[in-house]
Amino acid sequence: MNSQLQGYKLASILIHWFTAAALVYLFINGEQMAEATSELRGELMHSHVFWGVVLGVPLLLRVAWRYKQGFADTPLQHWSMELLAKIVKIGLLVCIAGAVLTGTALPWAEGKDLVIGSLIIPSFMTTNEVLAQTLEVMHELFSHLWIPLLVLHVLGALKHALMDKDGVLSSMFKPNKDGL
């Protein structure tokens, strides 16, 4: 990190906010599914899988984009804050990739076809209960672990805005043509 704020280009900012909206939608949809009656659960499951895959493609592209681009430089802060910020950002990306990949693989591990609207991708394996249970637990973990990471991310942004007053938060709303 250096003492200059690098900021982000418009594409990065739009991808960031698309990701936030997609994660919140998929989380709410998944939680509704868990609380639904058995009749409604099937419909919600189809919706969750459909949107999980449809939104999952750009979400995975977002993870790859950030991996390729790296993170923007921010003003210097205590090493512990820099380390925490890096852990939180990388953790969020890992949760996104993990939730999308485990959620997509789960129907196949259950021996079911992956149904995305009218597109059917046949299962390439027979039912593997151990793998299915493992993927389900991992999907739940990735799908819930991002919440405390998001809280830390928001708290960090607020720290930059209210305490440091260094422009980091505003950089997620105001594009910088020289940013990432």
N, C-alpha and C. Protein backbone atom coordinates (compact mmCIF):
# COMPACT_ATOMS: atom_id res chain seq x y z
N MET A 1 0.83 -1.18 0.00
CA MET A 1 0.00 0.00 0.00
C MET A 1 0.89 1.25 0.00
N ASN A 2 0.41 2.27 -0.64
CA ASN A 2 1.16 3.52 -0.59
C ASN A 2 0.29 4.59 0.06
N SER A 3 0.74 5.81 0.04
CA SER A 3 -0.01 6.87 0.71
C SER A 3 -1.06 7.51 -0.20
N GLN A 4 -1.15 7.07 -1.43
CA GLN A 4 -2.11 7.63 -2.38
C GLN A 4 -3.32 6.71 -2.52
N LEU A 5 -4.47 7.32 -2.72
CA LEU A 5 -5.70 6.57 -2.98
C LEU A 5 -5.81 6.37 -4.48
N GLN A 6 -5.84 5.11 -4.90
CA GLN A 6 -5.89 4.80 -6.32
C GLN A 6 -7.31 4.84 -6.88
N GLY A 7 -8.25 4.30 -6.16
CA GLY A 7 -9.64 4.30 -6.62
C GLY A 7 -9.92 3.25 -7.67
N TYR A 8 -11.14 3.31 -8.21
CA TYR A 8 -11.60 2.30 -9.16
C TYR A 8 -12.23 2.95 -10.38
N LYS A 9 -12.10 2.27 -11.51
CA LYS A 9 -12.78 2.68 -12.73
C LYS A 9 -14.27 2.35 -12.60
N LEU A 10 -15.06 2.91 -13.50
CA LEU A 10 -16.50 2.71 -13.48
C LEU A 10 -16.86 1.22 -13.55
N ALA A 11 -16.18 0.46 -14.39
CA ALA A 11 -16.50 -0.98 -14.52
C ALA A 11 -16.33 -1.69 -13.19
N SER A 12 -15.26 -1.42 -12.47
CA SER A 12 -15.04 -2.05 -11.17
C SER A 12 -16.12 -1.67 -10.17
N ILE A 13 -16.51 -0.41 -10.18
CA ILE A 13 -17.54 0.05 -9.25
C ILE A 13 -18.88 -0.62 -9.55
N LEU A 14 -19.24 -0.70 -10.82
CA LEU A 14 -20.50 -1.35 -11.20
C LEU A 14 -20.48 -2.83 -10.85
N ILE A 15 -19.36 -3.49 -11.09
CA ILE A 15 -19.23 -4.91 -10.75
C ILE A 15 -19.35 -5.09 -9.23
N HIS A 16 -18.74 -4.20 -8.47
CA HIS A 16 -18.80 -4.27 -7.01
C HIS A 16 -20.24 -4.23 -6.52
N TRP A 17 -21.02 -3.26 -7.00
CA TRP A 17 -22.38 -3.10 -6.53
C TRP A 17 -23.32 -4.16 -7.09
N PHE A 18 -23.06 -4.64 -8.31
CA PHE A 18 -23.82 -5.78 -8.84
C PHE A 18 -23.60 -7.00 -7.95
N THR A 19 -22.36 -7.23 -7.56
CA THR A 19 -22.03 -8.36 -6.70
C THR A 19 -22.77 -8.26 -5.37
N ALA A 20 -22.75 -7.08 -4.78
CA ALA A 20 -23.44 -6.89 -3.49
C ALA A 20 -24.93 -7.21 -3.63
N ALA A 21 -25.56 -6.68 -4.67
CA ALA A 21 -27.00 -6.91 -4.87
C ALA A 21 -27.29 -8.39 -5.13
N ALA A 22 -26.47 -9.03 -5.95
CA ALA A 22 -26.68 -10.46 -6.27
C ALA A 22 -26.53 -11.32 -5.03
N LEU A 23 -25.53 -11.04 -4.21
CA LEU A 23 -25.33 -11.83 -2.98
C LEU A 23 -26.49 -11.68 -2.02
N VAL A 24 -26.96 -10.47 -1.85
CA VAL A 24 -28.09 -10.24 -0.94
C VAL A 24 -29.33 -10.97 -1.47
N TYR A 25 -29.59 -10.85 -2.77
CA TYR A 25 -30.76 -11.53 -3.35
C TYR A 25 -30.67 -13.05 -3.16
N LEU A 26 -29.53 -13.63 -3.51
CA LEU A 26 -29.38 -15.09 -3.40
C LEU A 26 -29.46 -15.55 -1.95
N PHE A 27 -28.92 -14.77 -1.03
CA PHE A 27 -29.00 -15.13 0.38
C PHE A 27 -30.45 -15.13 0.85
N ILE A 28 -31.17 -14.06 0.54
CA ILE A 28 -32.58 -13.96 0.96
C ILE A 28 -33.38 -15.09 0.35
N ASN A 29 -33.17 -15.37 -0.94
CA ASN A 29 -33.86 -16.45 -1.63
C ASN A 29 -33.57 -17.79 -0.96
N GLY A 30 -32.31 -18.03 -0.61
CA GLY A 30 -31.93 -19.28 0.06
C GLY A 30 -32.55 -19.40 1.44
N GLU A 31 -32.59 -18.31 2.19
CA GLU A 31 -33.19 -18.33 3.52
C GLU A 31 -34.71 -18.57 3.44
N GLN A 32 -35.36 -17.99 2.43
CA GLN A 32 -36.79 -18.22 2.24
C GLN A 32 -37.05 -19.70 1.95
N MET A 33 -36.16 -20.30 1.19
CA MET A 33 -36.28 -21.71 0.84
C MET A 33 -36.19 -22.57 2.11
N ALA A 34 -35.27 -22.24 2.99
CA ALA A 34 -35.08 -23.01 4.21
C ALA A 34 -36.30 -22.95 5.13
N GLU A 35 -37.04 -21.85 5.07
CA GLU A 35 -38.19 -21.66 5.96
C GLU A 35 -39.52 -22.02 5.31
N ALA A 36 -39.52 -22.39 4.04
CA ALA A 36 -40.76 -22.62 3.29
C ALA A 36 -41.35 -23.99 3.59
N THR A 37 -42.65 -24.10 3.29
CA THR A 37 -43.31 -25.40 3.37
C THR A 37 -42.76 -26.29 2.28
N SER A 38 -42.96 -27.58 2.38
CA SER A 38 -42.38 -28.51 1.40
C SER A 38 -42.90 -28.25 -0.01
N GLU A 39 -44.17 -27.83 -0.15
CA GLU A 39 -44.71 -27.56 -1.49
C GLU A 39 -43.99 -26.37 -2.13
N LEU A 40 -43.79 -25.33 -1.35
CA LEU A 40 -43.16 -24.12 -1.86
C LEU A 40 -41.65 -24.27 -2.01
N ARG A 41 -41.05 -25.14 -1.19
CA ARG A 41 -39.60 -25.31 -1.19
C ARG A 41 -39.09 -25.73 -2.57
N GLY A 42 -39.82 -26.60 -3.25
CA GLY A 42 -39.39 -27.06 -4.58
C GLY A 42 -39.32 -25.92 -5.58
N GLU A 43 -40.35 -25.07 -5.57
CA GLU A 43 -40.36 -23.90 -6.46
C GLU A 43 -39.21 -22.95 -6.14
N LEU A 44 -39.03 -22.70 -4.86
CA LEU A 44 -37.95 -21.81 -4.45
C LEU A 44 -36.58 -22.40 -4.79
N MET A 45 -36.46 -23.72 -4.68
CA MET A 45 -35.20 -24.38 -5.01
C MET A 45 -34.88 -24.18 -6.49
N HIS A 46 -35.87 -24.37 -7.36
CA HIS A 46 -35.66 -24.14 -8.79
C HIS A 46 -35.24 -22.69 -9.06
N SER A 47 -35.91 -21.76 -8.39
CA SER A 47 -35.58 -20.35 -8.54
C SER A 47 -34.16 -20.07 -8.04
N HIS A 48 -33.82 -20.63 -6.89
CA HIS A 48 -32.50 -20.40 -6.30
C HIS A 48 -31.40 -20.96 -7.20
N VAL A 49 -31.61 -22.17 -7.71
CA VAL A 49 -30.61 -22.78 -8.60
C VAL A 49 -30.51 -21.97 -9.90
N PHE A 50 -31.65 -21.60 -10.47
CA PHE A 50 -31.65 -20.81 -11.70
C PHE A 50 -30.85 -19.52 -11.50
N TRP A 51 -31.24 -18.73 -10.51
CA TRP A 51 -30.57 -17.44 -10.28
C TRP A 51 -29.16 -17.63 -9.77
N GLY A 52 -28.91 -18.72 -9.04
CA GLY A 52 -27.55 -19.00 -8.58
C GLY A 52 -26.61 -19.22 -9.75
N VAL A 53 -27.07 -19.93 -10.77
CA VAL A 53 -26.23 -20.18 -11.94
C VAL A 53 -26.17 -18.93 -12.83
N VAL A 54 -27.34 -18.31 -13.08
CA VAL A 54 -27.38 -17.12 -13.94
C VAL A 54 -26.53 -15.99 -13.35
N LEU A 55 -26.67 -15.75 -12.05
CA LEU A 55 -25.87 -14.71 -11.40
C LEU A 55 -24.47 -15.22 -11.07
N GLY A 56 -24.35 -16.55 -10.95
CA GLY A 56 -23.06 -17.13 -10.60
C GLY A 56 -22.00 -16.92 -11.66
N VAL A 57 -22.39 -16.91 -12.92
CA VAL A 57 -21.41 -16.70 -13.99
C VAL A 57 -20.76 -15.31 -13.86
N PRO A 58 -21.55 -14.23 -13.79
CA PRO A 58 -20.89 -12.93 -13.61
C PRO A 58 -20.20 -12.81 -12.24
N LEU A 59 -20.70 -13.50 -11.22
CA LEU A 59 -20.02 -13.46 -9.93
C LEU A 59 -18.64 -14.10 -10.01
N LEU A 60 -18.54 -15.23 -10.70
CA LEU A 60 -17.22 -15.86 -10.88
C LEU A 60 -16.31 -14.99 -11.74
N LEU A 61 -16.90 -14.34 -12.74
CA LEU A 61 -16.11 -13.40 -13.55
C LEU A 61 -15.62 -12.24 -12.69
N ARG A 62 -16.43 -11.83 -11.73
CA ARG A 62 -16.03 -10.76 -10.81
C ARG A 62 -14.84 -11.19 -9.97
N VAL A 63 -14.87 -12.43 -9.48
CA VAL A 63 -13.74 -12.95 -8.69
C VAL A 63 -12.48 -12.97 -9.55
N ALA A 64 -12.62 -13.47 -10.78
CA ALA A 64 -11.46 -13.52 -11.69
C ALA A 64 -10.97 -12.11 -12.01
N TRP A 65 -11.89 -11.18 -12.22
CA TRP A 65 -11.55 -9.78 -12.51
C TRP A 65 -10.71 -9.20 -11.38
N ARG A 66 -11.18 -9.39 -10.15
CA ARG A 66 -10.46 -8.82 -9.02
C ARG A 66 -9.10 -9.51 -8.84
N TYR A 67 -9.06 -10.82 -9.07
CA TYR A 67 -7.79 -11.55 -8.99
C TYR A 67 -6.79 -10.99 -10.00
N LYS A 68 -7.28 -10.74 -11.22
CA LYS A 68 -6.41 -10.22 -12.28
C LYS A 68 -6.01 -8.77 -12.01
N GLN A 69 -6.97 -7.94 -11.59
CA GLN A 69 -6.72 -6.52 -11.39
C GLN A 69 -6.00 -6.21 -10.09
N GLY A 70 -6.18 -7.07 -9.10
CA GLY A 70 -5.65 -6.77 -7.77
C GLY A 70 -6.56 -5.78 -7.07
N PHE A 71 -6.10 -5.30 -5.93
CA PHE A 71 -6.87 -4.34 -5.15
C PHE A 71 -6.24 -2.97 -5.30
N ALA A 72 -7.06 -1.95 -5.28
CA ALA A 72 -6.56 -0.58 -5.41
C ALA A 72 -5.73 -0.21 -4.19
N ASP A 73 -4.72 0.61 -4.42
CA ASP A 73 -3.93 1.13 -3.31
C ASP A 73 -4.79 2.07 -2.48
N THR A 74 -4.61 2.01 -1.19
CA THR A 74 -5.32 2.89 -0.27
C THR A 74 -4.30 3.62 0.59
N PRO A 75 -4.73 4.69 1.24
CA PRO A 75 -3.80 5.40 2.12
C PRO A 75 -3.24 4.47 3.20
N LEU A 76 -2.02 4.76 3.63
CA LEU A 76 -1.37 3.95 4.66
C LEU A 76 -2.19 3.94 5.94
N GLN A 77 -2.19 2.79 6.57
CA GLN A 77 -2.81 2.64 7.88
C GLN A 77 -2.01 1.60 8.65
N HIS A 78 -2.34 1.37 9.89
CA HIS A 78 -1.62 0.42 10.72
C HIS A 78 -1.60 -0.94 10.01
N TRP A 79 -0.48 -1.67 10.16
CA TRP A 79 -0.32 -2.95 9.46
C TRP A 79 -1.45 -3.92 9.79
N SER A 80 -1.97 -3.87 11.03
CA SER A 80 -3.04 -4.80 11.41
C SER A 80 -4.33 -4.49 10.64
N MET A 81 -4.58 -3.21 10.39
CA MET A 81 -5.76 -2.82 9.63
C MET A 81 -5.60 -3.23 8.16
N GLU A 82 -4.40 -3.09 7.63
CA GLU A 82 -4.14 -3.51 6.25
C GLU A 82 -4.33 -5.01 6.11
N LEU A 83 -3.82 -5.76 7.10
CA LEU A 83 -3.97 -7.22 7.07
C LEU A 83 -5.43 -7.62 7.17
N LEU A 84 -6.16 -7.01 8.09
CA LEU A 84 -7.59 -7.32 8.24
C LEU A 84 -8.35 -6.99 6.96
N ALA A 85 -8.06 -5.84 6.36
CA ALA A 85 -8.74 -5.46 5.12
C ALA A 85 -8.48 -6.49 4.02
N LYS A 86 -7.25 -6.94 3.91
CA LYS A 86 -6.91 -7.93 2.88
C LYS A 86 -7.62 -9.26 3.16
N ILE A 87 -7.63 -9.70 4.41
CA ILE A 87 -8.32 -10.95 4.78
C ILE A 87 -9.80 -10.86 4.44
N VAL A 88 -10.42 -9.73 4.77
CA VAL A 88 -11.85 -9.55 4.52
C VAL A 88 -12.14 -9.57 3.02
N LYS A 89 -11.35 -8.83 2.23
CA LYS A 89 -11.60 -8.78 0.77
C LYS A 89 -11.39 -10.15 0.13
N ILE A 90 -10.29 -10.81 0.48
CA ILE A 90 -10.04 -12.14 -0.08
C ILE A 90 -11.08 -13.13 0.41
N GLY A 91 -11.46 -13.03 1.69
CA GLY A 91 -12.49 -13.91 2.23
C GLY A 91 -13.81 -13.77 1.50
N LEU A 92 -14.20 -12.54 1.19
CA LEU A 92 -15.43 -12.32 0.43
C LEU A 92 -15.36 -12.98 -0.94
N LEU A 93 -14.23 -12.83 -1.61
CA LEU A 93 -14.08 -13.44 -2.94
C LEU A 93 -14.11 -14.97 -2.86
N VAL A 94 -13.48 -15.53 -1.83
CA VAL A 94 -13.50 -16.99 -1.64
C VAL A 94 -14.92 -17.47 -1.38
N CYS A 95 -15.67 -16.72 -0.55
CA CYS A 95 -17.06 -17.10 -0.27
C CYS A 95 -17.92 -17.05 -1.53
N ILE A 96 -17.72 -16.04 -2.35
CA ILE A 96 -18.48 -15.94 -3.60
C ILE A 96 -18.20 -17.15 -4.49
N ALA A 97 -16.92 -17.40 -4.75
CA ALA A 97 -16.56 -18.53 -5.62
C ALA A 97 -17.01 -19.84 -5.00
N GLY A 98 -16.81 -20.01 -3.71
CA GLY A 98 -17.18 -21.26 -3.04
C GLY A 98 -18.67 -21.52 -3.10
N ALA A 99 -19.48 -20.49 -2.83
CA ALA A 99 -20.94 -20.66 -2.85
C ALA A 99 -21.43 -21.00 -4.26
N VAL A 100 -20.90 -20.31 -5.26
CA VAL A 100 -21.34 -20.57 -6.64
C VAL A 100 -20.93 -21.98 -7.07
N LEU A 101 -19.70 -22.36 -6.83
CA LEU A 101 -19.22 -23.66 -7.30
C LEU A 101 -19.87 -24.82 -6.57
N THR A 102 -20.01 -24.72 -5.24
CA THR A 102 -20.64 -25.81 -4.50
C THR A 102 -22.13 -25.90 -4.81
N GLY A 103 -22.77 -24.74 -4.96
CA GLY A 103 -24.20 -24.74 -5.29
C GLY A 103 -24.48 -25.33 -6.66
N THR A 104 -23.58 -25.06 -7.60
CA THR A 104 -23.75 -25.60 -8.96
C THR A 104 -23.50 -27.10 -8.98
N ALA A 105 -22.53 -27.57 -8.22
CA ALA A 105 -22.17 -28.99 -8.23
C ALA A 105 -23.12 -29.85 -7.41
N LEU A 106 -23.85 -29.26 -6.48
CA LEU A 106 -24.70 -30.03 -5.58
C LEU A 106 -25.74 -30.91 -6.28
N PRO A 107 -26.50 -30.40 -7.25
CA PRO A 107 -27.47 -31.30 -7.91
C PRO A 107 -26.80 -32.51 -8.57
N TRP A 108 -25.64 -32.30 -9.17
CA TRP A 108 -24.94 -33.42 -9.81
C TRP A 108 -24.52 -34.46 -8.78
N ALA A 109 -24.04 -34.01 -7.63
CA ALA A 109 -23.65 -34.95 -6.57
C ALA A 109 -24.86 -35.73 -6.05
N GLU A 110 -26.03 -35.13 -6.16
CA GLU A 110 -27.27 -35.81 -5.77
C GLU A 110 -27.80 -36.70 -6.89
N GLY A 111 -27.07 -36.77 -8.01
CA GLY A 111 -27.47 -37.59 -9.15
C GLY A 111 -28.57 -36.94 -9.98
N LYS A 112 -28.79 -35.64 -9.79
CA LYS A 112 -29.84 -34.92 -10.50
C LYS A 112 -29.23 -34.07 -11.60
N ASP A 113 -30.06 -33.76 -12.59
CA ASP A 113 -29.65 -32.84 -13.64
C ASP A 113 -29.64 -31.42 -13.08
N LEU A 114 -28.79 -30.59 -13.64
CA LEU A 114 -28.78 -29.17 -13.29
C LEU A 114 -29.77 -28.49 -14.23
N VAL A 115 -30.86 -27.97 -13.67
CA VAL A 115 -31.94 -27.37 -14.46
C VAL A 115 -31.85 -25.86 -14.30
N ILE A 116 -31.63 -25.18 -15.44
CA ILE A 116 -31.53 -23.73 -15.46
C ILE A 116 -32.60 -23.24 -16.43
N GLY A 117 -33.80 -22.99 -15.90
CA GLY A 117 -34.91 -22.63 -16.77
C GLY A 117 -35.26 -23.82 -17.65
N SER A 118 -35.18 -23.64 -18.97
CA SER A 118 -35.47 -24.75 -19.88
C SER A 118 -34.19 -25.48 -20.31
N LEU A 119 -33.04 -25.02 -19.85
CA LEU A 119 -31.76 -25.67 -20.13
C LEU A 119 -31.52 -26.75 -19.08
N ILE A 120 -31.26 -27.96 -19.55
CA ILE A 120 -30.99 -29.07 -18.65
C ILE A 120 -29.58 -29.59 -18.93
N ILE A 121 -28.75 -29.55 -17.91
CA ILE A 121 -27.39 -30.08 -18.02
C ILE A 121 -27.38 -31.39 -17.24
N PRO A 122 -27.31 -32.51 -17.96
CA PRO A 122 -27.42 -33.81 -17.30
C PRO A 122 -26.31 -34.05 -16.27
N SER A 123 -26.68 -34.78 -15.26
CA SER A 123 -25.69 -35.16 -14.25
C SER A 123 -24.69 -36.11 -14.90
N PHE A 124 -23.43 -35.92 -14.62
CA PHE A 124 -22.39 -36.78 -15.18
C PHE A 124 -21.96 -37.84 -14.17
N MET A 125 -22.70 -37.93 -13.06
CA MET A 125 -22.34 -38.90 -12.04
C MET A 125 -23.59 -39.48 -11.39
N THR A 126 -23.42 -40.63 -10.78
CA THR A 126 -24.51 -41.20 -10.00
C THR A 126 -24.54 -40.52 -8.64
N THR A 127 -25.58 -40.78 -7.90
CA THR A 127 -25.71 -40.16 -6.58
C THR A 127 -24.52 -40.52 -5.70
N ASN A 128 -23.94 -39.52 -5.09
CA ASN A 128 -22.84 -39.70 -4.15
C ASN A 128 -23.24 -38.94 -2.89
N GLU A 129 -23.85 -39.67 -1.93
CA GLU A 129 -24.41 -39.02 -0.75
C GLU A 129 -23.37 -38.29 0.08
N VAL A 130 -22.20 -38.87 0.21
CA VAL A 130 -21.14 -38.23 1.01
C VAL A 130 -20.72 -36.92 0.34
N LEU A 131 -20.51 -36.95 -0.97
CA LEU A 131 -20.14 -35.73 -1.68
C LEU A 131 -21.26 -34.71 -1.61
N ALA A 132 -22.51 -35.16 -1.79
CA ALA A 132 -23.66 -34.24 -1.74
C ALA A 132 -23.75 -33.58 -0.37
N GLN A 133 -23.60 -34.35 0.70
CA GLN A 133 -23.66 -33.78 2.05
C GLN A 133 -22.50 -32.81 2.28
N THR A 134 -21.32 -33.16 1.79
CA THR A 134 -20.16 -32.28 1.94
C THR A 134 -20.38 -30.98 1.18
N LEU A 135 -20.87 -31.08 -0.05
CA LEU A 135 -21.14 -29.87 -0.83
C LEU A 135 -22.22 -29.01 -0.19
N GLU A 136 -23.24 -29.66 0.37
CA GLU A 136 -24.31 -28.91 1.01
C GLU A 136 -23.79 -28.14 2.23
N VAL A 137 -22.96 -28.79 3.04
CA VAL A 137 -22.38 -28.12 4.21
C VAL A 137 -21.47 -26.98 3.76
N MET A 138 -20.65 -27.23 2.75
CA MET A 138 -19.75 -26.19 2.25
C MET A 138 -20.53 -25.02 1.67
N HIS A 139 -21.61 -25.32 0.94
CA HIS A 139 -22.44 -24.27 0.36
C HIS A 139 -23.04 -23.40 1.47
N GLU A 140 -23.56 -24.06 2.51
CA GLU A 140 -24.11 -23.32 3.65
C GLU A 140 -23.02 -22.47 4.32
N LEU A 141 -21.84 -23.04 4.47
CA LEU A 141 -20.74 -22.31 5.09
C LEU A 141 -20.38 -21.06 4.28
N PHE A 142 -20.13 -21.26 2.98
CA PHE A 142 -19.78 -20.12 2.12
C PHE A 142 -20.91 -19.09 2.06
N SER A 143 -22.16 -19.59 2.07
CA SER A 143 -23.32 -18.71 1.94
C SER A 143 -23.61 -17.92 3.21
N HIS A 144 -23.03 -18.32 4.32
CA HIS A 144 -23.25 -17.60 5.57
C HIS A 144 -22.00 -16.90 6.08
N LEU A 145 -20.84 -17.40 5.72
CA LEU A 145 -19.59 -16.80 6.19
C LEU A 145 -19.37 -15.41 5.63
N TRP A 146 -19.95 -15.11 4.47
CA TRP A 146 -19.75 -13.78 3.90
C TRP A 146 -20.45 -12.69 4.72
N ILE A 147 -21.41 -13.05 5.55
CA ILE A 147 -22.14 -12.03 6.31
C ILE A 147 -21.23 -11.33 7.33
N PRO A 148 -20.52 -12.05 8.21
CA PRO A 148 -19.61 -11.32 9.10
C PRO A 148 -18.49 -10.61 8.34
N LEU A 149 -18.08 -11.18 7.21
CA LEU A 149 -17.07 -10.50 6.39
C LEU A 149 -17.63 -9.20 5.82
N LEU A 150 -18.90 -9.24 5.39
CA LEU A 150 -19.55 -8.03 4.88
C LEU A 150 -19.65 -6.97 5.97
N VAL A 151 -20.01 -7.40 7.18
CA VAL A 151 -20.11 -6.45 8.30
C VAL A 151 -18.75 -5.79 8.52
N LEU A 152 -17.68 -6.58 8.53
CA LEU A 152 -16.33 -6.01 8.70
C LEU A 152 -15.98 -5.08 7.54
N HIS A 153 -16.39 -5.45 6.32
CA HIS A 153 -16.13 -4.63 5.14
C HIS A 153 -16.83 -3.27 5.27
N VAL A 154 -18.09 -3.29 5.67
CA VAL A 154 -18.85 -2.05 5.84
C VAL A 154 -18.27 -1.21 6.98
N LEU A 155 -17.92 -1.88 8.09
CA LEU A 155 -17.31 -1.15 9.21
C LEU A 155 -15.99 -0.50 8.78
N GLY A 156 -15.21 -1.22 7.98
CA GLY A 156 -13.96 -0.65 7.47
C GLY A 156 -14.21 0.56 6.58
N ALA A 157 -15.23 0.46 5.73
CA ALA A 157 -15.58 1.60 4.86
C ALA A 157 -16.01 2.79 5.69
N LEU A 158 -16.80 2.54 6.73
CA LEU A 158 -17.24 3.62 7.60
C LEU A 158 -16.07 4.23 8.38
N LYS A 159 -15.13 3.39 8.79
CA LYS A 159 -13.92 3.89 9.46
C LYS A 159 -13.18 4.86 8.55
N HIS A 160 -13.03 4.46 7.29
CA HIS A 160 -12.34 5.34 6.33
C HIS A 160 -13.10 6.66 6.14
N ALA A 161 -14.43 6.57 6.12
CA ALA A 161 -15.23 7.78 5.87
C ALA A 161 -15.32 8.69 7.09
N LEU A 162 -15.54 8.11 8.26
CA LEU A 162 -15.83 8.92 9.45
C LEU A 162 -14.60 9.25 10.29
N MET A 163 -13.64 8.33 10.35
CA MET A 163 -12.47 8.56 11.20
C MET A 163 -11.27 9.05 10.38
N ASP A 164 -10.95 8.30 9.32
CA ASP A 164 -9.76 8.63 8.53
C ASP A 164 -10.03 9.78 7.56
N LYS A 165 -11.26 9.87 7.07
CA LYS A 165 -11.66 10.90 6.10
C LYS A 165 -10.67 10.96 4.93
N ASP A 166 -10.41 9.75 4.37
CA ASP A 166 -9.38 9.63 3.34
C ASP A 166 -9.91 9.37 1.94
N GLY A 167 -11.24 9.35 1.76
CA GLY A 167 -11.81 9.18 0.43
C GLY A 167 -11.99 7.75 -0.04
N VAL A 168 -11.63 6.77 0.81
CA VAL A 168 -11.75 5.38 0.38
C VAL A 168 -13.20 5.02 0.09
N LEU A 169 -14.12 5.37 0.98
CA LEU A 169 -15.53 5.05 0.75
C LEU A 169 -16.06 5.75 -0.50
N SER A 170 -15.76 7.01 -0.67
CA SER A 170 -16.27 7.74 -1.84
C SER A 170 -15.70 7.18 -3.13
N SER A 171 -14.55 6.48 -3.07
CA SER A 171 -13.97 5.90 -4.29
C SER A 171 -14.84 4.77 -4.84
N MET A 172 -15.77 4.24 -4.03
CA MET A 172 -16.68 3.20 -4.51
C MET A 172 -17.94 3.79 -5.14
N PHE A 173 -18.01 5.10 -5.19
CA PHE A 173 -19.14 5.78 -5.82
C PHE A 173 -18.69 6.71 -6.94
N LYS A 174 -17.44 7.13 -6.89
CA LYS A 174 -16.93 8.11 -7.85
C LYS A 174 -15.79 7.46 -8.65
N PRO A 175 -16.01 7.17 -9.94
CA PRO A 175 -14.98 6.51 -10.74
C PRO A 175 -13.72 7.36 -10.90
N ASN A 176 -12.61 6.67 -11.03
CA ASN A 176 -11.32 7.30 -11.28
C ASN A 176 -10.76 6.68 -12.57
N LYS A 177 -10.57 7.48 -13.59
CA LYS A 177 -10.11 6.92 -14.88
C LYS A 177 -8.74 6.25 -14.76
N ASP A 178 -7.98 6.59 -13.75
CA ASP A 178 -6.66 5.96 -13.54
C ASP A 178 -6.73 4.83 -12.51
N GLY A 179 -7.92 4.51 -12.03
CA GLY A 179 -8.08 3.46 -11.02
C GLY A 179 -8.04 2.07 -11.62
N LEU A 180 -8.37 1.11 -10.79
CA LEU A 180 -8.41 -0.29 -11.25
C LEU A 180 -9.74 -0.64 -11.84
